[in-house]
Structure formats: structure tokens, C-alpha cells
């Protein structure tokens, strides 16, 4: 049980961060976005990957950071999201905010189980 929780959490965190990094790079390339305008988005994707990697070494810190990032995205999206159609808002929020929160909870749960 202990090993499977941490593996699921690591996989979820890295797939989530990797997906968004790839998405930001691919979208910038496809739309021929100038490098200066693309760098903040690519940097955001790389930040997601780094937060996931922090949890590999420090589960408590990484788990809390993942939850904080996920909730921050949810709050930010609640502010700017109403500009989009309802179906786009729900899907994007689910793909953007839920995975880091779930991964963070799994890291914290694993830490609690491992502590005994």
C-alpha cells in the first residue's frame, strides 16, 4: 500500500506537469508565438514539473506545494474562467487543478502511513 501510493502520486504529479509543459510549448509553436510571449507559459509548465520533483525528495513539502498550486490554479481560474463557455471551464479546471491536489493528498497520505 505504501509503495503504490507514492508511485501513483509521483506519476500523477509528473504526468500533469509534463503534459502542461508540452501543451504550452506545442501551443506556442503552433501559433508562432514570439519567444518572449511564450517563455512565461513554458516557465509555468516547468514550475509544475519542479513542484512534482520536489515531492520526490520531500514528500511533506512537495505534497503541500502540490495542493497549494492546485488550489491557487482553481482560485485564479474562478476569477478569469467566466470568460469561457461552461464546458470549457469545467474540463480545463478538472485537468488543470485536480491532478496536483490529488497527487498532494496522496503524498501526504503516504507520509502518514509510512510514519506509522
C-alpha atoms as a PDB file:
ATOM      1  CA  UNK A   1       0.000   0.000   0.000  1.00  0.00           C
ATOM      2  CA  UNK A   2       2.779   2.436   0.929  1.00  0.00           C
ATOM      3  CA  UNK A   3       4.701   1.966  -2.283  1.00  0.00           C
ATOM      4  CA  UNK A   4       1.680   2.147  -4.524  1.00  0.00           C
ATOM      5  CA  UNK A   5       0.507   5.479  -3.070  1.00  0.00           C
ATOM      6  CA  UNK A   6       3.826   7.166  -3.631  1.00  0.00           C
ATOM      7  CA  UNK A   7       4.165   5.732  -7.142  1.00  0.00           C
ATOM      8  CA  UNK A   8       0.683   6.945  -8.090  1.00  0.00           C
ATOM      9  CA  UNK A   9       1.375  10.360  -6.592  1.00  0.00           C
ATOM     10  CA  UNK A  10       4.723  10.698  -8.395  1.00  0.00           C
ATOM     11  CA  UNK A  11       3.296   9.544 -11.702  1.00  0.00           C
ATOM     12  CA  UNK A  12       0.299  11.853 -11.445  1.00  0.00           C
ATOM     13  CA  UNK A  13       2.410  14.883 -10.483  1.00  0.00           C
ATOM     14  CA  UNK A  14       4.964  14.354 -13.255  1.00  0.00           C
ATOM     15  CA  UNK A  15       2.454  13.464 -15.966  1.00  0.00           C
ATOM     16  CA  UNK A  16       0.443  16.550 -15.039  1.00  0.00           C
ATOM     17  CA  UNK A  17       3.483  18.850 -15.082  1.00  0.00           C
ATOM     18  CA  UNK A  18       4.890  17.245 -18.225  1.00  0.00           C
ATOM     19  CA  UNK A  19       1.573  17.471 -20.037  1.00  0.00           C
ATOM     20  CA  UNK A  20       1.180  21.183 -19.351  1.00  0.00           C
ATOM     21  CA  UNK A  21       4.808  21.906 -20.265  1.00  0.00           C
ATOM     22  CA  UNK A  22       4.324  20.066 -23.556  1.00  0.00           C
ATOM     23  CA  UNK A  23       0.992  21.808 -24.116  1.00  0.00           C
ATOM     24  CA  UNK A  24       2.450  25.291 -23.574  1.00  0.00           C
ATOM     25  CA  UNK A  25       5.424  24.583 -25.853  1.00  0.00           C
ATOM     26  CA  UNK A  26       3.302  22.982 -28.577  1.00  0.00           C
ATOM     27  CA  UNK A  27       0.658  25.698 -28.484  1.00  0.00           C
ATOM     28  CA  UNK A  28       3.281  28.440 -28.643  1.00  0.00           C
ATOM     29  CA  UNK A  29       4.974  26.728 -31.566  1.00  0.00           C
ATOM     30  CA  UNK A  30       1.722  26.087 -33.419  1.00  0.00           C
ATOM     31  CA  UNK A  31       0.572  29.698 -33.066  1.00  0.00           C
ATOM     32  CA  UNK A  32       4.063  31.048 -33.909  1.00  0.00           C
ATOM     33  CA  UNK A  33       4.148  32.877 -30.604  1.00  0.00           C
ATOM     34  CA  UNK A  34       7.231  35.078 -30.152  1.00  0.00           C
ATOM     35  CA  UNK A  35       9.726  33.659 -27.680  1.00  0.00           C
ATOM     36  CA  UNK A  36       9.219  36.487 -25.194  1.00  0.00           C
ATOM     37  CA  UNK A  37       5.495  35.806 -25.014  1.00  0.00           C
ATOM     38  CA  UNK A  38       5.927  32.012 -24.830  1.00  0.00           C
ATOM     39  CA  UNK A  39       8.549  31.921 -22.069  1.00  0.00           C
ATOM     40  CA  UNK A  40       6.203  32.743 -19.161  1.00  0.00           C
ATOM     41  CA  UNK A  41       3.883  29.881 -20.135  1.00  0.00           C
ATOM     42  CA  UNK A  42       6.719  27.419 -20.683  1.00  0.00           C
ATOM     43  CA  UNK A  43       8.199  28.566 -17.372  1.00  0.00           C
ATOM     44  CA  UNK A  44       4.874  27.880 -15.687  1.00  0.00           C
ATOM     45  CA  UNK A  45       4.879  24.342 -17.091  1.00  0.00           C
ATOM     46  CA  UNK A  46       8.439  23.799 -15.884  1.00  0.00           C
ATOM     47  CA  UNK A  47       7.423  25.122 -12.468  1.00  0.00           C
ATOM     48  CA  UNK A  48       4.727  22.445 -12.371  1.00  0.00           C
ATOM     49  CA  UNK A  49       7.358  19.776 -13.125  1.00  0.00           C
ATOM     50  CA  UNK A  50       9.698  21.181 -10.448  1.00  0.00           C
ATOM     51  CA  UNK A  51       6.961  21.115  -7.805  1.00  0.00           C
ATOM     52  CA  UNK A  52       6.321  17.477  -8.715  1.00  0.00           C
ATOM     53  CA  UNK A  53      10.029  16.704  -8.413  1.00  0.00           C
ATOM     54  CA  UNK A  54      10.276  18.399  -5.007  1.00  0.00           C
ATOM     55  CA  UNK A  55       7.796  15.832  -3.722  1.00  0.00           C
ATOM     56  CA  UNK A  56      10.169  13.028  -4.736  1.00  0.00           C
ATOM     57  CA  UNK A  57      12.683  14.173  -2.131  1.00  0.00           C
ATOM     58  CA  UNK A  58      10.482  15.909   0.456  1.00  0.00           C
ATOM     59  CA  UNK A  59       7.023  14.367   0.496  1.00  0.00           C
ATOM     60  CA  UNK A  60       5.524  16.712   3.082  1.00  0.00           C
ATOM     61  CA  UNK A  61       6.790  19.895   1.418  1.00  0.00           C
ATOM     62  CA  UNK A  62       6.051  18.641  -2.078  1.00  0.00           C
ATOM     63  CA  UNK A  63       2.593  17.399  -1.138  1.00  0.00           C
ATOM     64  CA  UNK A  64       1.691  20.714   0.457  1.00  0.00           C
ATOM     65  CA  UNK A  65       3.102  22.616  -2.534  1.00  0.00           C
ATOM     66  CA  UNK A  66       1.094  20.494  -4.963  1.00  0.00           C
ATOM     67  CA  UNK A  67      -2.096  21.152  -3.011  1.00  0.00           C
ATOM     68  CA  UNK A  68      -1.270  24.871  -2.823  1.00  0.00           C
ATOM     69  CA  UNK A  69      -0.579  25.047  -6.573  1.00  0.00           C
ATOM     70  CA  UNK A  70      -3.783  23.172  -7.394  1.00  0.00           C
ATOM     71  CA  UNK A  71      -5.922  25.363  -5.157  1.00  0.00           C
ATOM     72  CA  UNK A  72      -4.223  28.523  -6.460  1.00  0.00           C
ATOM     73  CA  UNK A  73      -4.985  27.484 -10.015  1.00  0.00           C
ATOM     74  CA  UNK A  74      -8.587  26.850  -9.015  1.00  0.00           C
ATOM     75  CA  UNK A  75      -8.934  30.290  -7.437  1.00  0.00           C
ATOM     76  CA  UNK A  76      -7.223  32.044 -10.359  1.00  0.00           C
ATOM     77  CA  UNK A  77      -9.383  30.153 -12.791  1.00  0.00           C
ATOM     78  CA  UNK A  78     -12.515  31.102 -10.867  1.00  0.00           C
ATOM     79  CA  UNK A  79     -11.575  34.749 -11.439  1.00  0.00           C
ATOM     80  CA  UNK A  80     -10.733  34.504 -15.180  1.00  0.00           C
ATOM     81  CA  UNK A  81     -12.735  31.401 -16.066  1.00  0.00           C
ATOM     82  CA  UNK A  82     -16.144  33.055 -16.510  1.00  0.00           C
ATOM     83  CA  UNK A  83     -14.886  34.412 -19.829  1.00  0.00           C
ATOM     84  CA  UNK A  84     -15.054  30.874 -21.259  1.00  0.00           C
ATOM     85  CA  UNK A  85     -18.024  28.610 -22.039  1.00  0.00           C
ATOM     86  CA  UNK A  86     -19.216  26.387 -19.162  1.00  0.00           C
ATOM     87  CA  UNK A  87     -17.990  23.105 -20.675  1.00  0.00           C
ATOM     88  CA  UNK A  88     -14.533  24.557 -21.325  1.00  0.00           C
ATOM     89  CA  UNK A  89     -14.358  25.906 -17.787  1.00  0.00           C
ATOM     90  CA  UNK A  90     -15.206  22.567 -16.175  1.00  0.00           C
ATOM     91  CA  UNK A  91     -12.852  20.496 -18.320  1.00  0.00           C
ATOM     92  CA  UNK A  92      -9.940  22.893 -18.018  1.00  0.00           C
ATOM     93  CA  UNK A  93     -10.399  23.271 -14.279  1.00  0.00           C
ATOM     94  CA  UNK A  94     -10.543  19.484 -13.864  1.00  0.00           C
ATOM     95  CA  UNK A  95      -7.366  18.971 -15.927  1.00  0.00           C
ATOM     96  CA  UNK A  96      -5.527  21.950 -14.505  1.00  0.00           C
ATOM     97  CA  UNK A  97      -6.395  21.975 -10.825  1.00  0.00           C
ATOM     98  CA  UNK A  98      -7.494  18.496  -9.719  1.00  0.00           C
ATOM     99  CA  UNK A  99      -4.363  16.413 -10.518  1.00  0.00           C
ATOM    100  CA  UNK A 100      -1.935  18.359  -8.294  1.00  0.00           C
ATOM    101  CA  UNK A 101      -4.432  18.393  -5.429  1.00  0.00           C
ATOM    102  CA  UNK A 102      -4.968  14.624  -5.704  1.00  0.00           C
ATOM    103  CA  UNK A 103      -1.203  13.981  -6.009  1.00  0.00           C
ATOM    104  CA  UNK A 104      -0.539  16.191  -2.986  1.00  0.00           C
ATOM    105  CA  UNK A 105      -3.138  14.349  -0.931  1.00  0.00           C
ATOM    106  CA  UNK A 106      -1.600  11.010  -1.950  1.00  0.00           C
ATOM    107  CA  UNK A 107       1.875  12.209  -0.906  1.00  0.00           C
ATOM    108  CA  UNK A 108       0.561  13.344   2.466  1.00  0.00           C
ATOM    109  CA  UNK A 109      -1.375  10.105   2.946  1.00  0.00           C
ATOM    110  CA  UNK A 110       1.732   8.067   2.119  1.00  0.00           C
ATOM    111  CA  UNK A 111       3.747  10.092   4.601  1.00  0.00           C
ATOM    112  CA  UNK A 112       1.151   9.468   7.295  1.00  0.00           C
ATOM    113  CA  UNK A 113       1.050   5.699   6.584  1.00  0.00           C
ATOM    114  CA  UNK A 114       4.865   5.490   6.459  1.00  0.00           C
ATOM    115  CA  UNK A 115       5.131   7.312   9.807  1.00  0.00           C
ATOM    116  CA  UNK A 116       3.032   4.571  11.327  1.00  0.00           C
END
